Amino acid sequence: MLTDMRTVTVYRAALAALAEHGPRRVGVTHIARLAGTNRTFVYRNWAGPQALLKDATLHELRHVLHKAREVPEQLPPTPCLAVRTVVRAAGLLREHPVVGAMARTDPALTYAAVLRPTTPWHQLAWRWLTEHVTGHLPRGVEQDTTTLAVLTTALPYALTPPQNPPDPVSERAAVDRRLGQALHACLGAPLNCPDCESS
C-alpha cells in the first residue's frame, strides 16, 4: 500500500468526494481533480474508484481508531478506559462527514461493510476491539462473544449521525452516556460506575 504524501492527498480527495456525493456517485475524474493530479496516476495505483475508496476509507478508519485511543485525562480503570475508548471512536465516526454522506445515501451498505466478517472494515474493527477493548478476556468464545456484543452495540451509535438537534452538545453527551451504559453491560462492568460518572 502506498503511503507517500501524494497518496494521502488522493485519499483526502476521495474522502471529500465520498462525503459530497456518497459511495455510488464518486468518479476518478472528480477525485483526480480534487487531488490536483490526473486520472493516469489514479489508475496506475488503484484498479478503479471502488479500490481507491476502499483504501481511503480503511486509511481513515485506522486514523480515527488511533485518535480514539488518545485519552487526555487521567486513566480510569481498565473496563472504563475500554468504554471511553469505544464511546470516543463512535463519536468521531458519528460526526465524520463521510459517515454523514453514507447515512444519507446508502446506510445499508455501510452497516454491511462493518458487520460482514469478510470485509476489511469488519476485520480492522474486530482487530482493534480485541486488542484495545476485549483483550483482557480469555481468547475464544468469551472474547469473541463480547467483541461481537460491543461491535453491534456501538455500531448504531457510530453510524447514525446527528440530525441537527437544538442543543448539539447536550445531545452528544446524552448519546455518549447511553452508549457508555450499554458498553458497561457488554463488558460486565457496573452500570453505575463512579469512575465514569465523575468524568
N, C-alpha and C. Protein backbone atom coordinates (compact mmCIF):
# COMPACT_ATOMS: atom_id res chain seq x y z
N MET A 1 0.83 -1.17 0.00
CA MET A 1 0.00 0.00 0.00
C MET A 1 0.89 1.25 0.00
N LEU A 2 0.54 2.21 -0.82
CA LEU A 2 1.30 3.45 -0.89
C LEU A 2 1.00 4.32 0.33
N THR A 3 2.02 5.03 0.82
CA THR A 3 1.79 5.90 1.97
C THR A 3 2.44 7.27 1.80
N ASP A 4 2.89 7.61 0.60
CA ASP A 4 3.54 8.90 0.41
C ASP A 4 2.50 10.03 0.45
N MET A 5 2.99 11.26 0.44
CA MET A 5 2.11 12.43 0.56
C MET A 5 1.14 12.53 -0.62
N ARG A 6 1.59 12.16 -1.78
CA ARG A 6 0.69 12.22 -2.95
C ARG A 6 -0.49 11.27 -2.76
N THR A 7 -0.21 10.10 -2.22
CA THR A 7 -1.27 9.13 -1.96
C THR A 7 -2.22 9.65 -0.90
N VAL A 8 -1.68 10.23 0.16
CA VAL A 8 -2.52 10.80 1.22
C VAL A 8 -3.40 11.90 0.65
N THR A 9 -2.86 12.70 -0.25
CA THR A 9 -3.65 13.75 -0.90
C THR A 9 -4.80 13.14 -1.71
N VAL A 10 -4.52 12.06 -2.41
CA VAL A 10 -5.57 11.38 -3.18
C VAL A 10 -6.60 10.79 -2.23
N TYR A 11 -6.16 10.21 -1.11
CA TYR A 11 -7.11 9.68 -0.12
C TYR A 11 -8.02 10.79 0.39
N ARG A 12 -7.44 11.94 0.72
CA ARG A 12 -8.25 13.06 1.21
C ARG A 12 -9.26 13.50 0.16
N ALA A 13 -8.83 13.55 -1.09
CA ALA A 13 -9.73 13.92 -2.18
C ALA A 13 -10.85 12.89 -2.33
N ALA A 14 -10.50 11.61 -2.23
CA ALA A 14 -11.52 10.55 -2.33
C ALA A 14 -12.53 10.67 -1.19
N LEU A 15 -12.04 10.94 0.02
CA LEU A 15 -12.95 11.10 1.16
C LEU A 15 -13.83 12.33 0.99
N ALA A 16 -13.26 13.41 0.46
CA ALA A 16 -14.06 14.62 0.22
C ALA A 16 -15.14 14.35 -0.82
N ALA A 17 -14.79 13.64 -1.88
CA ALA A 17 -15.78 13.29 -2.91
C ALA A 17 -16.84 12.35 -2.34
N LEU A 18 -16.43 11.43 -1.52
CA LEU A 18 -17.36 10.50 -0.88
C LEU A 18 -18.31 11.24 0.05
N ALA A 19 -17.79 12.20 0.80
CA ALA A 19 -18.62 12.98 1.70
C ALA A 19 -19.60 13.86 0.92
N GLU A 20 -19.19 14.28 -0.25
CA GLU A 20 -20.04 15.16 -1.07
C GLU A 20 -21.12 14.39 -1.82
N HIS A 21 -20.76 13.23 -2.38
CA HIS A 21 -21.67 12.53 -3.28
C HIS A 21 -22.18 11.18 -2.79
N GLY A 22 -21.58 10.60 -1.77
CA GLY A 22 -21.94 9.25 -1.36
C GLY A 22 -21.17 8.23 -2.18
N PRO A 23 -21.28 6.95 -1.82
CA PRO A 23 -20.41 5.92 -2.40
C PRO A 23 -20.71 5.55 -3.85
N ARG A 24 -21.91 5.78 -4.31
CA ARG A 24 -22.28 5.30 -5.64
C ARG A 24 -22.01 6.32 -6.75
N ARG A 25 -21.69 7.56 -6.40
CA ARG A 25 -21.54 8.60 -7.42
C ARG A 25 -20.16 9.25 -7.41
N VAL A 26 -19.15 8.53 -6.97
CA VAL A 26 -17.80 9.08 -6.92
C VAL A 26 -17.03 8.58 -8.13
N GLY A 27 -16.46 9.52 -8.89
CA GLY A 27 -15.70 9.14 -10.08
C GLY A 27 -14.24 9.50 -9.98
N VAL A 28 -13.43 8.80 -10.75
CA VAL A 28 -11.98 9.00 -10.74
C VAL A 28 -11.63 10.41 -11.20
N THR A 29 -12.30 10.93 -12.21
CA THR A 29 -12.01 12.27 -12.73
C THR A 29 -12.19 13.31 -11.64
N HIS A 30 -13.28 13.21 -10.90
CA HIS A 30 -13.56 14.17 -9.82
C HIS A 30 -12.50 14.05 -8.72
N ILE A 31 -12.17 12.84 -8.33
CA ILE A 31 -11.15 12.63 -7.29
C ILE A 31 -9.81 13.19 -7.76
N ALA A 32 -9.42 12.89 -8.98
CA ALA A 32 -8.13 13.37 -9.51
C ALA A 32 -8.10 14.90 -9.52
N ARG A 33 -9.20 15.53 -9.92
CA ARG A 33 -9.26 16.99 -9.93
C ARG A 33 -9.11 17.55 -8.53
N LEU A 34 -9.83 16.97 -7.56
CA LEU A 34 -9.72 17.43 -6.17
C LEU A 34 -8.31 17.24 -5.61
N ALA A 35 -7.63 16.19 -6.06
CA ALA A 35 -6.28 15.89 -5.56
C ALA A 35 -5.19 16.65 -6.30
N GLY A 36 -5.58 17.34 -7.38
CA GLY A 36 -4.58 18.07 -8.15
C GLY A 36 -3.66 17.14 -8.92
N THR A 37 -4.20 16.00 -9.34
CA THR A 37 -3.41 15.04 -10.11
C THR A 37 -4.21 14.66 -11.35
N ASN A 38 -3.88 13.55 -11.95
CA ASN A 38 -4.60 13.14 -13.15
C ASN A 38 -5.10 11.70 -13.01
N ARG A 39 -5.98 11.35 -13.93
CA ARG A 39 -6.59 10.00 -13.91
C ARG A 39 -5.52 8.92 -14.08
N THR A 40 -4.47 9.21 -14.84
CA THR A 40 -3.41 8.22 -15.07
C THR A 40 -2.76 7.80 -13.76
N PHE A 41 -2.47 8.79 -12.92
CA PHE A 41 -1.87 8.47 -11.61
C PHE A 41 -2.81 7.59 -10.80
N VAL A 42 -4.10 7.93 -10.80
CA VAL A 42 -5.07 7.15 -10.02
C VAL A 42 -5.16 5.73 -10.55
N TYR A 43 -5.31 5.57 -11.86
CA TYR A 43 -5.44 4.22 -12.43
C TYR A 43 -4.13 3.42 -12.37
N ARG A 44 -3.00 4.10 -12.28
CA ARG A 44 -1.72 3.39 -12.13
C ARG A 44 -1.61 2.78 -10.72
N ASN A 45 -2.27 3.40 -9.75
CA ASN A 45 -2.14 2.96 -8.36
C ASN A 45 -3.36 2.22 -7.81
N TRP A 46 -4.52 2.36 -8.45
CA TRP A 46 -5.73 1.67 -8.00
C TRP A 46 -6.47 1.14 -9.21
N ALA A 47 -7.13 0.03 -9.07
CA ALA A 47 -7.85 -0.60 -10.18
C ALA A 47 -9.05 0.23 -10.65
N GLY A 48 -9.54 1.10 -9.79
CA GLY A 48 -10.69 1.92 -10.13
C GLY A 48 -11.17 2.67 -8.91
N PRO A 49 -12.28 3.38 -9.03
CA PRO A 49 -12.75 4.19 -7.90
C PRO A 49 -13.10 3.36 -6.66
N GLN A 50 -13.63 2.17 -6.84
CA GLN A 50 -14.01 1.36 -5.67
C GLN A 50 -12.77 0.91 -4.89
N ALA A 51 -11.71 0.54 -5.61
CA ALA A 51 -10.46 0.15 -4.93
C ALA A 51 -9.86 1.34 -4.19
N LEU A 52 -9.91 2.52 -4.81
CA LEU A 52 -9.40 3.72 -4.15
C LEU A 52 -10.24 4.06 -2.93
N LEU A 53 -11.57 4.00 -3.05
CA LEU A 53 -12.43 4.30 -1.90
C LEU A 53 -12.19 3.31 -0.76
N LYS A 54 -11.98 2.06 -1.11
CA LYS A 54 -11.68 1.06 -0.07
C LYS A 54 -10.41 1.44 0.67
N ASP A 55 -9.34 1.72 -0.06
CA ASP A 55 -8.08 2.08 0.58
C ASP A 55 -8.20 3.36 1.40
N ALA A 56 -8.87 4.36 0.83
CA ALA A 56 -9.01 5.65 1.52
C ALA A 56 -9.83 5.52 2.79
N THR A 57 -10.93 4.76 2.74
CA THR A 57 -11.77 4.62 3.93
C THR A 57 -11.08 3.77 5.00
N LEU A 58 -10.34 2.76 4.60
CA LEU A 58 -9.59 1.97 5.58
C LEU A 58 -8.49 2.80 6.23
N HIS A 59 -7.81 3.61 5.44
CA HIS A 59 -6.79 4.51 5.97
C HIS A 59 -7.42 5.47 6.98
N GLU A 60 -8.57 6.02 6.64
CA GLU A 60 -9.25 6.96 7.54
C GLU A 60 -9.77 6.25 8.79
N LEU A 61 -10.30 5.04 8.64
CA LEU A 61 -10.78 4.30 9.81
C LEU A 61 -9.62 4.02 10.77
N ARG A 62 -8.46 3.64 10.24
CA ARG A 62 -7.28 3.43 11.10
C ARG A 62 -6.94 4.71 11.86
N HIS A 63 -6.99 5.83 11.16
CA HIS A 63 -6.68 7.13 11.77
C HIS A 63 -7.68 7.45 12.89
N VAL A 64 -8.97 7.26 12.62
CA VAL A 64 -10.00 7.56 13.62
C VAL A 64 -9.85 6.65 14.84
N LEU A 65 -9.63 5.37 14.62
CA LEU A 65 -9.48 4.44 15.74
C LEU A 65 -8.22 4.75 16.55
N HIS A 66 -7.17 5.17 15.90
CA HIS A 66 -5.96 5.58 16.62
C HIS A 66 -6.25 6.82 17.46
N LYS A 67 -6.93 7.78 16.87
CA LYS A 67 -7.26 9.02 17.57
C LYS A 67 -8.18 8.74 18.78
N ALA A 68 -9.05 7.77 18.66
CA ALA A 68 -9.98 7.43 19.75
C ALA A 68 -9.23 6.93 20.98
N ARG A 69 -8.05 6.39 20.79
CA ARG A 69 -7.28 5.86 21.92
C ARG A 69 -6.52 6.94 22.67
N GLU A 70 -6.48 8.14 22.15
CA GLU A 70 -5.81 9.25 22.83
C GLU A 70 -6.70 9.71 23.98
N VAL A 71 -6.25 9.50 25.19
CA VAL A 71 -7.04 9.86 26.37
C VAL A 71 -6.32 11.01 27.08
N PRO A 72 -6.87 12.22 26.99
CA PRO A 72 -6.15 13.36 27.55
C PRO A 72 -6.14 13.43 29.07
N GLU A 73 -7.14 12.88 29.71
CA GLU A 73 -7.21 12.98 31.18
C GLU A 73 -6.57 11.77 31.86
N GLN A 74 -6.65 11.76 33.15
CA GLN A 74 -6.11 10.64 33.94
C GLN A 74 -6.78 9.34 33.53
N LEU A 75 -5.99 8.28 33.46
CA LEU A 75 -6.52 6.99 33.02
C LEU A 75 -7.45 6.37 34.05
N PRO A 76 -8.65 5.97 33.63
CA PRO A 76 -9.57 5.26 34.53
C PRO A 76 -9.19 3.78 34.58
N PRO A 77 -9.90 3.00 35.42
CA PRO A 77 -9.66 1.54 35.45
C PRO A 77 -9.93 0.92 34.08
N THR A 78 -9.39 -0.26 33.84
CA THR A 78 -9.43 -0.91 32.53
C THR A 78 -10.82 -0.98 31.88
N PRO A 79 -11.87 -1.48 32.56
CA PRO A 79 -13.16 -1.55 31.85
C PRO A 79 -13.65 -0.16 31.44
N CYS A 80 -13.44 0.84 32.30
CA CYS A 80 -13.91 2.18 31.98
C CYS A 80 -13.09 2.81 30.86
N LEU A 81 -11.80 2.51 30.80
CA LEU A 81 -10.96 3.00 29.72
C LEU A 81 -11.44 2.41 28.39
N ALA A 82 -11.76 1.13 28.40
CA ALA A 82 -12.27 0.48 27.19
C ALA A 82 -13.59 1.13 26.76
N VAL A 83 -14.48 1.39 27.71
CA VAL A 83 -15.76 2.02 27.40
C VAL A 83 -15.53 3.41 26.82
N ARG A 84 -14.68 4.20 27.46
CA ARG A 84 -14.42 5.57 26.96
C ARG A 84 -13.81 5.54 25.57
N THR A 85 -12.94 4.58 25.31
CA THR A 85 -12.30 4.47 24.01
C THR A 85 -13.33 4.17 22.92
N VAL A 86 -14.24 3.24 23.19
CA VAL A 86 -15.27 2.90 22.20
C VAL A 86 -16.25 4.07 22.03
N VAL A 87 -16.62 4.72 23.12
CA VAL A 87 -17.53 5.87 23.03
C VAL A 87 -16.88 6.97 22.19
N ARG A 88 -15.61 7.20 22.41
CA ARG A 88 -14.91 8.24 21.65
C ARG A 88 -14.83 7.85 20.17
N ALA A 89 -14.51 6.60 19.88
CA ALA A 89 -14.46 6.14 18.48
C ALA A 89 -15.82 6.30 17.82
N ALA A 90 -16.88 5.90 18.52
CA ALA A 90 -18.23 6.03 17.97
C ALA A 90 -18.56 7.50 17.70
N GLY A 91 -18.19 8.38 18.62
CA GLY A 91 -18.45 9.81 18.43
C GLY A 91 -17.69 10.39 17.25
N LEU A 92 -16.42 10.01 17.11
CA LEU A 92 -15.62 10.50 15.99
C LEU A 92 -16.21 10.03 14.66
N LEU A 93 -16.63 8.78 14.63
CA LEU A 93 -17.25 8.25 13.39
C LEU A 93 -18.60 8.91 13.13
N ARG A 94 -19.40 9.04 14.17
CA ARG A 94 -20.75 9.61 14.03
C ARG A 94 -20.69 11.02 13.43
N GLU A 95 -19.67 11.78 13.77
CA GLU A 95 -19.58 13.16 13.31
C GLU A 95 -18.67 13.33 12.09
N HIS A 96 -18.20 12.23 11.54
CA HIS A 96 -17.33 12.29 10.36
C HIS A 96 -18.18 12.59 9.12
N PRO A 97 -17.74 13.48 8.25
CA PRO A 97 -18.54 13.83 7.07
C PRO A 97 -18.82 12.65 6.14
N VAL A 98 -17.91 11.71 6.05
CA VAL A 98 -18.15 10.54 5.19
C VAL A 98 -19.28 9.69 5.75
N VAL A 99 -19.30 9.51 7.07
CA VAL A 99 -20.39 8.73 7.68
C VAL A 99 -21.73 9.43 7.45
N GLY A 100 -21.73 10.76 7.54
CA GLY A 100 -22.96 11.51 7.26
C GLY A 100 -23.46 11.27 5.85
N ALA A 101 -22.55 11.31 4.88
CA ALA A 101 -22.94 11.07 3.48
C ALA A 101 -23.42 9.64 3.28
N MET A 102 -22.73 8.70 3.90
CA MET A 102 -23.14 7.29 3.78
C MET A 102 -24.51 7.07 4.41
N ALA A 103 -24.78 7.71 5.54
CA ALA A 103 -26.07 7.56 6.20
C ALA A 103 -27.19 8.13 5.33
N ARG A 104 -26.89 9.21 4.61
CA ARG A 104 -27.90 9.82 3.74
C ARG A 104 -28.12 9.01 2.47
N THR A 105 -27.05 8.48 1.90
CA THR A 105 -27.14 7.90 0.56
C THR A 105 -27.22 6.37 0.52
N ASP A 106 -26.57 5.69 1.46
CA ASP A 106 -26.57 4.22 1.40
C ASP A 106 -26.24 3.60 2.76
N PRO A 107 -27.13 3.78 3.76
CA PRO A 107 -26.82 3.25 5.09
C PRO A 107 -26.68 1.73 5.14
N ALA A 108 -27.42 1.02 4.32
CA ALA A 108 -27.34 -0.44 4.34
C ALA A 108 -25.94 -0.91 3.92
N LEU A 109 -25.35 -0.23 2.95
CA LEU A 109 -24.00 -0.58 2.51
C LEU A 109 -22.99 -0.39 3.63
N THR A 110 -23.15 0.69 4.39
CA THR A 110 -22.23 0.98 5.49
C THR A 110 -22.32 -0.08 6.57
N TYR A 111 -23.55 -0.41 6.99
CA TYR A 111 -23.72 -1.43 8.02
C TYR A 111 -23.17 -2.77 7.55
N ALA A 112 -23.46 -3.13 6.30
CA ALA A 112 -22.99 -4.42 5.77
C ALA A 112 -21.46 -4.46 5.75
N ALA A 113 -20.84 -3.33 5.40
CA ALA A 113 -19.38 -3.30 5.33
C ALA A 113 -18.74 -3.58 6.68
N VAL A 114 -19.37 -3.12 7.75
CA VAL A 114 -18.79 -3.31 9.07
C VAL A 114 -19.23 -4.62 9.71
N LEU A 115 -20.43 -5.07 9.42
CA LEU A 115 -20.94 -6.28 10.08
C LEU A 115 -20.56 -7.57 9.36
N ARG A 116 -20.33 -7.54 8.07
CA ARG A 116 -19.99 -8.76 7.33
C ARG A 116 -18.54 -9.13 7.64
N PRO A 117 -18.31 -10.29 8.25
CA PRO A 117 -16.96 -10.66 8.72
C PRO A 117 -15.89 -10.76 7.64
N THR A 118 -16.28 -10.85 6.38
CA THR A 118 -15.29 -10.99 5.32
C THR A 118 -14.78 -9.65 4.80
N THR A 119 -15.33 -8.54 5.25
CA THR A 119 -14.88 -7.25 4.73
C THR A 119 -13.66 -6.74 5.49
N PRO A 120 -12.82 -5.95 4.84
CA PRO A 120 -11.65 -5.41 5.54
C PRO A 120 -12.02 -4.43 6.65
N TRP A 121 -13.17 -3.73 6.53
CA TRP A 121 -13.59 -2.80 7.57
C TRP A 121 -13.97 -3.56 8.84
N HIS A 122 -14.68 -4.67 8.66
CA HIS A 122 -15.04 -5.51 9.81
C HIS A 122 -13.78 -6.07 10.46
N GLN A 123 -12.88 -6.58 9.64
CA GLN A 123 -11.66 -7.18 10.17
C GLN A 123 -10.81 -6.16 10.92
N LEU A 124 -10.74 -4.93 10.40
CA LEU A 124 -10.00 -3.88 11.09
C LEU A 124 -10.66 -3.52 12.42
N ALA A 125 -11.98 -3.34 12.40
CA ALA A 125 -12.71 -3.00 13.64
C ALA A 125 -12.58 -4.14 14.66
N TRP A 126 -12.68 -5.37 14.20
CA TRP A 126 -12.59 -6.54 15.09
C TRP A 126 -11.21 -6.61 15.74
N ARG A 127 -10.15 -6.45 14.93
CA ARG A 127 -8.79 -6.48 15.49
C ARG A 127 -8.59 -5.37 16.52
N TRP A 128 -9.08 -4.18 16.22
CA TRP A 128 -8.94 -3.05 17.13
C TRP A 128 -9.67 -3.32 18.44
N LEU A 129 -10.89 -3.84 18.34
CA LEU A 129 -11.66 -4.14 19.56
C LEU A 129 -10.98 -5.23 20.39
N THR A 130 -10.52 -6.30 19.74
CA THR A 130 -9.89 -7.37 20.53
C THR A 130 -8.57 -6.94 21.13
N GLU A 131 -7.90 -6.00 20.49
CA GLU A 131 -6.62 -5.53 21.03
C GLU A 131 -6.82 -4.51 22.15
N HIS A 132 -7.77 -3.59 21.99
CA HIS A 132 -7.87 -2.45 22.90
C HIS A 132 -9.09 -2.46 23.82
N VAL A 133 -10.04 -3.34 23.57
CA VAL A 133 -11.27 -3.31 24.38
C VAL A 133 -11.53 -4.65 25.07
N THR A 134 -11.42 -5.73 24.35
CA THR A 134 -11.72 -7.04 24.94
C THR A 134 -10.48 -7.92 25.10
N GLY A 135 -9.32 -7.33 24.95
CA GLY A 135 -8.07 -8.09 25.05
C GLY A 135 -7.81 -8.70 26.41
N HIS A 136 -8.46 -8.16 27.44
CA HIS A 136 -8.26 -8.68 28.79
C HIS A 136 -9.04 -9.97 29.03
N LEU A 137 -9.95 -10.30 28.12
CA LEU A 137 -10.77 -11.51 28.27
C LEU A 137 -10.03 -12.72 27.71
N PRO A 138 -10.34 -13.91 28.23
CA PRO A 138 -9.72 -15.12 27.67
C PRO A 138 -10.09 -15.28 26.20
N ARG A 139 -9.09 -15.64 25.38
CA ARG A 139 -9.35 -15.85 23.95
C ARG A 139 -10.34 -17.00 23.76
N GLY A 140 -11.11 -16.89 22.70
CA GLY A 140 -12.08 -17.94 22.40
C GLY A 140 -13.49 -17.39 22.45
N VAL A 141 -14.40 -18.24 22.88
CA VAL A 141 -15.83 -17.90 22.84
C VAL A 141 -16.15 -16.65 23.66
N GLU A 142 -15.59 -16.53 24.86
CA GLU A 142 -15.92 -15.38 25.70
C GLU A 142 -15.46 -14.07 25.04
N GLN A 143 -14.24 -14.05 24.55
CA GLN A 143 -13.75 -12.82 23.91
C GLN A 143 -14.52 -12.54 22.62
N ASP A 144 -14.78 -13.56 21.82
CA ASP A 144 -15.50 -13.36 20.56
C ASP A 144 -16.92 -12.87 20.80
N THR A 145 -17.60 -13.48 21.76
CA THR A 145 -18.98 -13.09 22.07
C THR A 145 -19.03 -11.64 22.56
N THR A 146 -18.11 -11.28 23.43
CA THR A 146 -18.09 -9.92 23.98
C THR A 146 -17.70 -8.92 22.89
N THR A 147 -16.75 -9.26 22.06
CA THR A 147 -16.35 -8.36 20.97
C THR A 147 -17.51 -8.12 20.03
N LEU A 148 -18.23 -9.16 19.68
CA LEU A 148 -19.40 -9.01 18.81
C LEU A 148 -20.47 -8.16 19.48
N ALA A 149 -20.67 -8.36 20.78
CA ALA A 149 -21.66 -7.55 21.50
C ALA A 149 -21.26 -6.07 21.50
N VAL A 150 -19.99 -5.79 21.73
CA VAL A 150 -19.51 -4.40 21.72
C VAL A 150 -19.68 -3.80 20.33
N LEU A 151 -19.29 -4.54 19.30
CA LEU A 151 -19.39 -4.05 17.93
C LEU A 151 -20.83 -3.75 17.55
N THR A 152 -21.73 -4.69 17.80
CA THR A 152 -23.12 -4.48 17.40
C THR A 152 -23.83 -3.46 18.29
N THR A 153 -23.36 -3.26 19.50
CA THR A 153 -23.92 -2.22 20.37
C THR A 153 -23.47 -0.84 19.92
N ALA A 154 -22.19 -0.71 19.60
CA ALA A 154 -21.63 0.60 19.24
C ALA A 154 -22.00 1.04 17.83
N LEU A 155 -22.23 0.09 16.94
CA LEU A 155 -22.43 0.42 15.54
C LEU A 155 -23.57 1.41 15.28
N PRO A 156 -24.76 1.22 15.83
CA PRO A 156 -25.81 2.21 15.57
C PRO A 156 -25.45 3.61 16.07
N TYR A 157 -24.73 3.68 17.17
CA TYR A 157 -24.30 4.98 17.70
C TYR A 157 -23.25 5.61 16.78
N ALA A 158 -22.38 4.78 16.20
CA ALA A 158 -21.30 5.29 15.36
C ALA A 158 -21.76 5.68 13.97
N LEU A 159 -22.75 4.97 13.44
CA LEU A 159 -23.13 5.17 12.04
C LEU A 159 -24.43 5.94 11.86
N THR A 160 -24.94 6.53 12.91
CA THR A 160 -26.13 7.36 12.81
C THR A 160 -25.75 8.78 13.20
N PRO A 161 -25.50 9.63 12.19
CA PRO A 161 -25.06 10.98 12.51
C PRO A 161 -26.17 11.82 13.12
N PRO A 162 -25.80 12.89 13.85
CA PRO A 162 -26.80 13.75 14.46
C PRO A 162 -27.67 14.43 13.40
N GLN A 163 -28.93 14.66 13.73
CA GLN A 163 -29.88 15.27 12.81
C GLN A 163 -30.18 16.71 13.19
N ASN A 164 -29.16 17.53 13.38
CA ASN A 164 -29.32 18.94 13.74
C ASN A 164 -30.17 19.14 14.99
N PRO A 165 -29.76 18.57 16.13
CA PRO A 165 -30.53 18.75 17.36
C PRO A 165 -30.45 20.21 17.83
N PRO A 166 -31.45 20.65 18.62
CA PRO A 166 -31.44 22.04 19.09
C PRO A 166 -30.23 22.36 19.96
N ASP A 167 -29.78 21.39 20.75
CA ASP A 167 -28.61 21.59 21.61
C ASP A 167 -27.62 20.45 21.33
N PRO A 168 -26.73 20.63 20.35
CA PRO A 168 -25.84 19.53 19.93
C PRO A 168 -24.93 19.02 21.04
N VAL A 169 -24.49 19.89 21.93
CA VAL A 169 -23.57 19.47 22.98
C VAL A 169 -24.27 18.53 23.96
N SER A 170 -25.46 18.90 24.41
CA SER A 170 -26.17 18.03 25.36
C SER A 170 -26.68 16.76 24.67
N GLU A 171 -27.03 16.86 23.39
CA GLU A 171 -27.46 15.66 22.64
C GLU A 171 -26.29 14.68 22.52
N ARG A 172 -25.10 15.20 22.19
CA ARG A 172 -23.90 14.36 22.08
C ARG A 172 -23.60 13.70 23.42
N ALA A 173 -23.70 14.46 24.50
CA ALA A 173 -23.42 13.91 25.83
C ALA A 173 -24.43 12.82 26.19
N ALA A 174 -25.70 13.03 25.85
CA ALA A 174 -26.73 12.03 26.15
C ALA A 174 -26.49 10.75 25.35
N VAL A 175 -26.15 10.88 24.08
CA VAL A 175 -25.87 9.70 23.24
C VAL A 175 -24.66 8.95 23.79
N ASP A 176 -23.61 9.70 24.13
CA ASP A 176 -22.40 9.07 24.67
C ASP A 176 -22.69 8.37 25.99
N ARG A 177 -23.52 8.97 26.82
CA ARG A 177 -23.88 8.36 28.12
C ARG A 177 -24.66 7.06 27.91
N ARG A 178 -25.63 7.07 26.99
CA ARG A 178 -26.40 5.84 26.71
C ARG A 178 -25.48 4.73 26.18
N LEU A 179 -24.61 5.10 25.25
CA LEU A 179 -23.68 4.10 24.72
C LEU A 179 -22.75 3.59 25.81
N GLY A 180 -22.25 4.48 26.66
CA GLY A 180 -21.38 4.08 27.76
C GLY A 180 -22.04 3.07 28.69
N GLN A 181 -23.30 3.30 29.01
CA GLN A 181 -24.02 2.35 29.88
C GLN A 181 -24.20 1.00 29.20
N ALA A 182 -24.54 1.03 27.91
CA ALA A 182 -24.69 -0.23 27.17
C ALA A 182 -23.37 -0.99 27.09
N LEU A 183 -22.27 -0.27 26.89
CA LEU A 183 -20.96 -0.92 26.81
C LEU A 183 -20.52 -1.47 28.16
N HIS A 184 -20.85 -0.75 29.24
CA HIS A 184 -20.56 -1.29 30.57
C HIS A 184 -21.24 -2.65 30.74
N ALA A 185 -22.48 -2.74 30.28
CA ALA A 185 -23.21 -4.01 30.38
C ALA A 185 -22.53 -5.08 29.53
N CYS A 186 -22.12 -4.74 28.31
CA CYS A 186 -21.44 -5.70 27.43
C CYS A 186 -20.16 -6.24 28.07
N LEU A 187 -19.43 -5.36 28.75
CA LEU A 187 -18.14 -5.74 29.33
C LEU A 187 -18.27 -6.26 30.75
N GLY A 188 -19.48 -6.35 31.27
CA GLY A 188 -19.69 -6.87 32.61
C GLY A 188 -19.25 -5.92 33.71
N ALA A 189 -19.15 -4.64 33.39
CA ALA A 189 -18.77 -3.63 34.39
C ALA A 189 -20.05 -3.07 35.02
N PRO A 190 -19.96 -2.50 36.23
CA PRO A 190 -21.15 -1.95 36.87
C PRO A 190 -21.75 -0.81 36.04
N LEU A 191 -23.08 -0.78 35.93
CA LEU A 191 -23.75 0.25 35.14
C LEU A 191 -23.58 1.63 35.77
N ASN A 192 -23.63 1.72 37.07
CA ASN A 192 -23.45 2.99 37.77
C ASN A 192 -22.00 3.08 38.24
N CYS A 193 -21.11 3.27 37.32
CA CYS A 193 -19.68 3.26 37.62
C CYS A 193 -19.26 4.64 38.12
N PRO A 194 -18.73 4.71 39.34
CA PRO A 194 -18.31 6.02 39.87
C PRO A 194 -17.17 6.63 39.07
N ASP A 195 -16.31 5.83 38.46
CA ASP A 195 -15.20 6.36 37.66
C ASP A 195 -15.71 7.06 36.42
N CYS A 196 -16.80 6.54 35.83
CA CYS A 196 -17.33 7.15 34.61
C CYS A 196 -18.26 8.31 34.94
N GLU A 197 -18.99 8.23 36.04
CA GLU A 197 -19.90 9.30 36.40
C GLU A 197 -19.16 10.57 36.79
N SER A 198 -17.93 10.43 37.29
CA SER A 198 -17.17 11.60 37.70
C SER A 198 -16.53 12.32 36.52
N SER A 199 -16.48 11.66 35.36
CA SER A 199 -15.83 12.30 34.20
C SER A 199 -16.79 13.19 33.44
